[in-house]
Amino acid sequence: MTRYRMTIEYDGRGFVGWQHQKNGLAVQQVLEDAIDIFCGERPTVFGAGRTDSGVHAFAQVAHFDLVRKTDADTVRDAINAHVRKHLVSVLNVAKATDDFHARFSAKQRGYVYYITNRRAPLTIGRGLSWWVPVGLDADAMDAAAGALVGKHNFTTFRASHCQAKSPIKTLDTLTVTRDGDEIVVTARARSFLHHQVRNMVGILKLVGEGKWSEDDVNIALAARDRQAGGPTAPPDGLYLNDVVY
């Protein structure tokens, strides 16, 4: 039995998310189907992050075990050959140690969220960025983001159906930068609550619009109540950017 680690890029549109669900096609299922066709085995493919429906990945990391003896490049090329009709690509595959686990061995996960801030609607980037036609103050957003960095009870930014045992997380990084019409929110932590990044982006948008202040963000965080938070940003602009081991 050999354990393989792979890095995957995908467009989340058309998927119910990373993980198997009864209501549609998951990225995990597409990869497991491809492995089955390739070698007649159907191992579980474990991912580093359980991205939601419509959320994308530049570098999702996953692992699986195979009985068949083969080399990593062959595994990569075979999987890619069988996922061609989907917007999924295996960037690389390498043999891993038996104790490596894509989810539990991860020390940090990085997400980026893209906001296109312009009056004209999106065409090419539709579904790949959050279009916000009203002006946003990225500097104010960045300053307010600093209030969320550190170890906190993030109940205000937690989805009601989140299955995490504790709402306490340590947010290592949360920054907001602008490059022309594009605003990029970068978040890094060992792990995140369900919808945490999208809920933080939602509240930062209110700051960018001038509707909320940095003090309002602090008050919302301290409330430990989802109802005290802002809207949930759409999945369109969210990408799992990298995983550190």
Protein backbone atom coordinates (compact mmCIF):
# COMPACT_ATOMS: atom_id res chain seq x y z
CA MET A 1 0.00 0.00 0.00
CA THR A 2 1.38 3.40 -1.01
CA ARG A 3 0.12 6.78 0.20
CA TYR A 4 0.05 9.57 -2.35
CA ARG A 5 -0.18 13.31 -1.74
CA MET A 6 -1.55 15.52 -4.49
CA THR A 7 -2.19 19.21 -5.10
CA ILE A 8 -5.38 20.07 -6.96
CA GLU A 9 -6.70 23.16 -8.69
CA TYR A 10 -10.43 23.52 -9.34
CA ASP A 11 -13.22 25.87 -10.26
CA GLY A 12 -15.92 25.36 -7.64
CA ARG A 13 -18.82 26.26 -9.91
CA GLY A 14 -20.90 23.20 -10.68
CA PHE A 15 -19.81 21.38 -7.53
CA VAL A 16 -21.62 21.04 -4.20
CA GLY A 17 -18.22 21.51 -2.58
CA TRP A 18 -15.23 19.33 -1.83
CA GLN A 19 -16.97 16.67 0.25
CA HIS A 20 -19.47 14.01 -0.84
CA GLN A 21 -23.08 15.12 -0.54
CA LYS A 22 -26.38 13.63 -1.63
CA ASN A 23 -27.55 16.70 -3.52
CA GLY A 24 -24.93 16.89 -6.26
CA LEU A 25 -21.42 16.31 -7.56
CA ALA A 26 -18.44 16.89 -5.25
CA VAL A 27 -14.78 17.41 -6.19
CA GLN A 28 -13.91 14.47 -3.94
CA GLN A 29 -16.24 12.21 -5.95
CA VAL A 30 -14.76 13.27 -9.30
CA LEU A 31 -11.26 12.37 -8.11
CA GLU A 32 -12.34 9.04 -6.60
CA ASP A 33 -14.19 8.14 -9.81
CA ALA A 34 -11.04 8.91 -11.82
CA ILE A 35 -8.86 6.70 -9.60
CA ASP A 36 -11.40 3.89 -9.86
CA ILE A 37 -11.38 4.05 -13.67
CA PHE A 38 -7.59 4.24 -13.71
CA CYS A 39 -6.75 1.26 -11.51
CA GLY A 40 -9.93 -0.44 -10.30
CA GLU A 41 -9.46 0.77 -6.72
CA ARG A 42 -11.70 3.26 -4.95
CA PRO A 43 -9.83 4.79 -2.02
CA THR A 44 -11.20 7.70 -0.04
CA VAL A 45 -9.52 10.95 -1.09
CA PHE A 46 -9.01 13.11 2.01
CA GLY A 47 -8.75 16.87 1.46
CA ALA A 48 -7.04 19.55 3.54
CA GLY A 49 -10.05 21.86 3.38
CA ARG A 50 -13.76 21.16 2.96
CA THR A 51 -14.52 23.96 0.55
CA ASP A 52 -18.20 24.87 0.06
CA SER A 53 -20.29 24.92 -3.08
CA GLY A 54 -18.93 27.52 -5.48
CA VAL A 55 -15.62 27.94 -3.64
CA HIS A 56 -12.46 27.43 -5.69
CA ALA A 57 -8.94 26.19 -5.04
CA PHE A 58 -5.54 27.11 -6.38
CA ALA A 59 -3.83 24.45 -4.27
CA GLN A 60 -6.08 22.05 -2.41
CA VAL A 61 -3.99 19.23 -0.91
CA ALA A 62 -5.32 15.68 -0.63
CA HIS A 63 -4.09 12.17 0.03
CA PHE A 64 -5.17 8.62 -0.76
CA ASP A 65 -3.78 5.08 -0.62
CA LEU A 66 -3.29 2.63 -3.51
CA VAL A 67 -2.43 -1.04 -3.54
CA ARG A 68 -1.33 -0.89 -7.19
CA LYS A 69 2.37 -0.25 -7.66
CA THR A 70 2.97 2.69 -9.98
CA ASP A 71 4.85 5.98 -10.06
CA ALA A 72 3.53 9.37 -9.00
CA ASP A 73 3.65 10.97 -12.46
CA THR A 74 1.58 8.15 -13.90
CA VAL A 75 -1.00 8.64 -11.14
CA ARG A 76 -1.17 12.38 -11.87
CA ASP A 77 -1.53 11.94 -15.63
CA ALA A 78 -4.08 9.12 -15.32
CA ILE A 79 -6.31 11.10 -12.95
CA ASN A 80 -6.12 14.18 -15.18
CA ALA A 81 -7.07 12.09 -18.20
CA HIS A 82 -10.27 10.99 -16.47
CA VAL A 83 -11.33 14.37 -15.01
CA ARG A 84 -11.03 16.30 -18.27
CA LYS A 85 -14.74 17.05 -18.56
CA HIS A 86 -14.63 18.81 -15.19
CA LEU A 87 -12.84 22.02 -14.19
CA VAL A 88 -10.40 20.06 -12.02
CA SER A 89 -6.67 19.59 -12.51
CA VAL A 90 -4.15 17.61 -10.47
CA LEU A 91 -1.06 19.79 -10.44
CA ASN A 92 1.30 17.29 -8.87
CA VAL A 93 1.42 13.93 -7.10
CA ALA A 94 4.15 12.62 -4.78
CA LYS A 95 4.57 9.61 -2.54
CA ALA A 96 3.96 10.45 1.12
CA THR A 97 4.79 8.80 4.43
CA ASP A 98 2.17 6.56 5.99
CA ASP A 99 1.51 9.04 8.78
CA PHE A 100 0.81 11.99 6.45
CA HIS A 101 -2.80 13.20 6.53
CA ALA A 102 -3.92 16.03 4.26
CA ARG A 103 -6.29 17.43 6.86
CA PHE A 104 -4.82 16.61 10.26
CA SER A 105 -1.14 17.14 9.39
CA ALA A 106 -1.77 20.70 8.13
CA LYS A 107 -0.21 23.48 10.23
CA GLN A 108 -1.77 26.41 8.37
CA ARG A 109 -4.28 27.09 5.61
CA GLY A 110 -4.31 30.17 3.45
CA TYR A 111 -7.37 31.60 1.70
CA VAL A 112 -7.71 34.57 -0.62
CA TYR A 113 -10.94 36.38 -1.44
CA TYR A 114 -11.25 38.53 -4.56
CA ILE A 115 -13.58 41.52 -4.80
CA THR A 116 -13.94 43.36 -8.10
CA ASN A 117 -14.80 46.93 -7.13
CA ARG A 118 -16.05 48.77 -10.23
CA ARG A 119 -19.29 50.09 -11.68
CA ALA A 120 -19.25 47.83 -14.76
CA PRO A 121 -20.60 44.28 -14.22
CA LEU A 122 -18.34 41.25 -14.52
CA THR A 123 -18.20 39.17 -17.67
CA ILE A 124 -15.07 36.99 -17.82
CA GLY A 125 -14.70 37.01 -14.04
CA ARG A 126 -18.34 36.26 -13.26
CA GLY A 127 -18.49 33.52 -10.63
CA LEU A 128 -14.79 33.97 -9.90
CA SER A 129 -14.93 37.24 -7.96
CA TRP A 130 -17.48 39.20 -5.92
CA TRP A 131 -18.65 42.19 -7.94
CA VAL A 132 -19.25 45.20 -5.70
CA PRO A 133 -20.25 48.29 -7.74
CA VAL A 134 -20.19 50.79 -4.85
CA GLY A 135 -16.86 52.32 -3.84
CA LEU A 136 -14.91 50.55 -1.09
CA ASP A 137 -12.18 52.00 1.12
CA ALA A 138 -9.62 49.18 1.17
CA ASP A 139 -7.42 50.98 3.73
CA ALA A 140 -10.32 51.20 6.19
CA MET A 141 -11.10 47.53 5.55
CA ASP A 142 -7.49 46.58 6.25
CA ALA A 143 -7.40 48.57 9.48
CA ALA A 144 -10.63 46.93 10.69
CA ALA A 145 -9.34 43.48 9.71
CA GLY A 146 -6.59 43.87 12.30
CA ALA A 147 -9.22 43.73 15.07
CA LEU A 148 -9.93 40.10 14.13
CA VAL A 149 -6.34 38.85 14.11
CA GLY A 150 -5.35 36.70 17.07
CA LYS A 151 -7.07 34.15 19.28
CA HIS A 152 -10.78 34.88 19.68
CA ASN A 153 -14.19 33.35 20.09
CA PHE A 154 -15.43 33.67 16.49
CA THR A 155 -19.08 32.72 17.11
CA THR A 156 -20.16 35.94 15.33
CA PHE A 157 -18.46 34.67 12.18
CA ARG A 158 -19.55 31.04 12.44
CA ALA A 159 -22.25 29.40 10.31
CA SER A 160 -25.23 28.17 12.33
CA HIS A 161 -24.63 24.59 11.12
CA CYS A 162 -20.87 24.63 11.78
CA GLN A 163 -19.75 21.30 13.25
CA ALA A 164 -16.54 22.51 14.92
CA LYS A 165 -16.32 21.57 18.60
CA SER A 166 -15.20 25.06 19.64
CA PRO A 167 -15.69 28.57 18.18
CA ILE A 168 -12.26 29.60 19.47
CA LYS A 169 -9.71 29.96 16.67
CA THR A 170 -6.41 31.77 16.19
CA LEU A 171 -6.39 33.93 13.07
CA ASP A 172 -2.76 34.45 12.04
CA THR A 173 -3.33 36.89 9.19
CA LEU A 174 -6.18 38.99 7.80
CA THR A 175 -5.20 41.72 5.36
CA VAL A 176 -6.91 43.76 2.67
CA THR A 177 -5.05 45.21 -0.33
CA ARG A 178 -6.13 46.96 -3.51
CA ASP A 179 -4.66 46.78 -7.02
CA GLY A 180 -6.75 48.88 -9.36
CA ASP A 181 -10.30 47.54 -9.37
CA GLU A 182 -9.31 44.38 -7.51
CA ILE A 183 -9.45 44.11 -3.72
CA VAL A 184 -7.82 41.02 -2.20
CA VAL A 185 -8.55 39.75 1.30
CA THR A 186 -5.93 37.30 2.59
CA ALA A 187 -6.62 35.06 5.59
CA ARG A 188 -4.31 32.52 7.24
CA ALA A 189 -4.92 30.20 10.21
CA ARG A 190 -4.40 26.61 11.24
CA SER A 191 -8.11 26.03 10.70
CA PHE A 192 -11.30 28.00 10.14
CA LEU A 193 -14.92 27.72 11.21
CA HIS A 194 -17.57 27.03 8.59
CA HIS A 195 -18.15 30.25 6.59
CA GLN A 196 -15.68 32.14 8.80
CA VAL A 197 -13.76 33.73 5.93
CA ARG A 198 -16.88 34.64 3.97
CA ASN A 199 -18.50 36.12 7.09
CA MET A 200 -15.40 38.18 7.86
CA VAL A 201 -15.34 39.47 4.28
CA GLY A 202 -19.02 40.34 4.56
CA ILE A 203 -18.42 42.54 7.60
CA LEU A 204 -15.31 44.14 6.05
CA LYS A 205 -17.37 45.14 3.01
CA LEU A 206 -19.64 47.12 5.36
CA VAL A 207 -16.54 48.89 6.68
CA GLY A 208 -15.39 49.61 3.13
CA GLU A 209 -18.76 51.17 2.34
CA GLY A 210 -18.52 53.40 5.40
CA LYS A 211 -21.53 51.76 7.05
CA TRP A 212 -19.45 50.19 9.83
CA SER A 213 -16.37 51.34 11.72
CA GLU A 214 -13.48 49.41 13.26
CA ASP A 215 -15.23 49.82 16.62
CA ASP A 216 -18.35 48.17 15.17
CA VAL A 217 -16.22 45.18 14.16
CA ASN A 218 -14.87 44.91 17.71
CA ILE A 219 -18.39 45.10 19.14
CA ALA A 220 -19.62 42.41 16.74
CA LEU A 221 -16.72 40.11 17.63
CA ALA A 222 -17.34 40.58 21.36
CA ALA A 223 -21.07 39.85 20.95
CA ARG A 224 -20.36 36.19 20.10
CA ASP A 225 -23.62 36.14 18.18
CA ARG A 226 -24.01 35.47 14.45
CA GLN A 227 -26.93 37.90 14.37
CA ALA A 228 -24.51 40.67 15.35
CA GLY A 229 -22.39 40.06 12.26
CA GLY A 230 -22.75 41.26 8.71
CA PRO A 231 -23.83 39.40 5.59
CA THR A 232 -22.10 36.28 4.31
CA ALA A 233 -20.04 37.08 1.23
CA PRO A 234 -20.85 34.89 -1.79
CA PRO A 235 -18.60 31.90 -2.53
CA ASP A 236 -17.55 33.30 -5.92
CA GLY A 237 -14.43 35.13 -4.74
CA LEU A 238 -13.08 32.58 -2.26
CA TYR A 239 -10.08 30.37 -3.05
CA LEU A 240 -8.12 27.89 -0.96
CA ASN A 241 -4.71 29.28 -1.81
CA ASP A 242 -2.20 27.06 -0.04
CA VAL A 243 -1.69 24.59 2.80
CA VAL A 244 1.41 24.50 5.00
CA TYR A 245 2.70 21.27 6.57
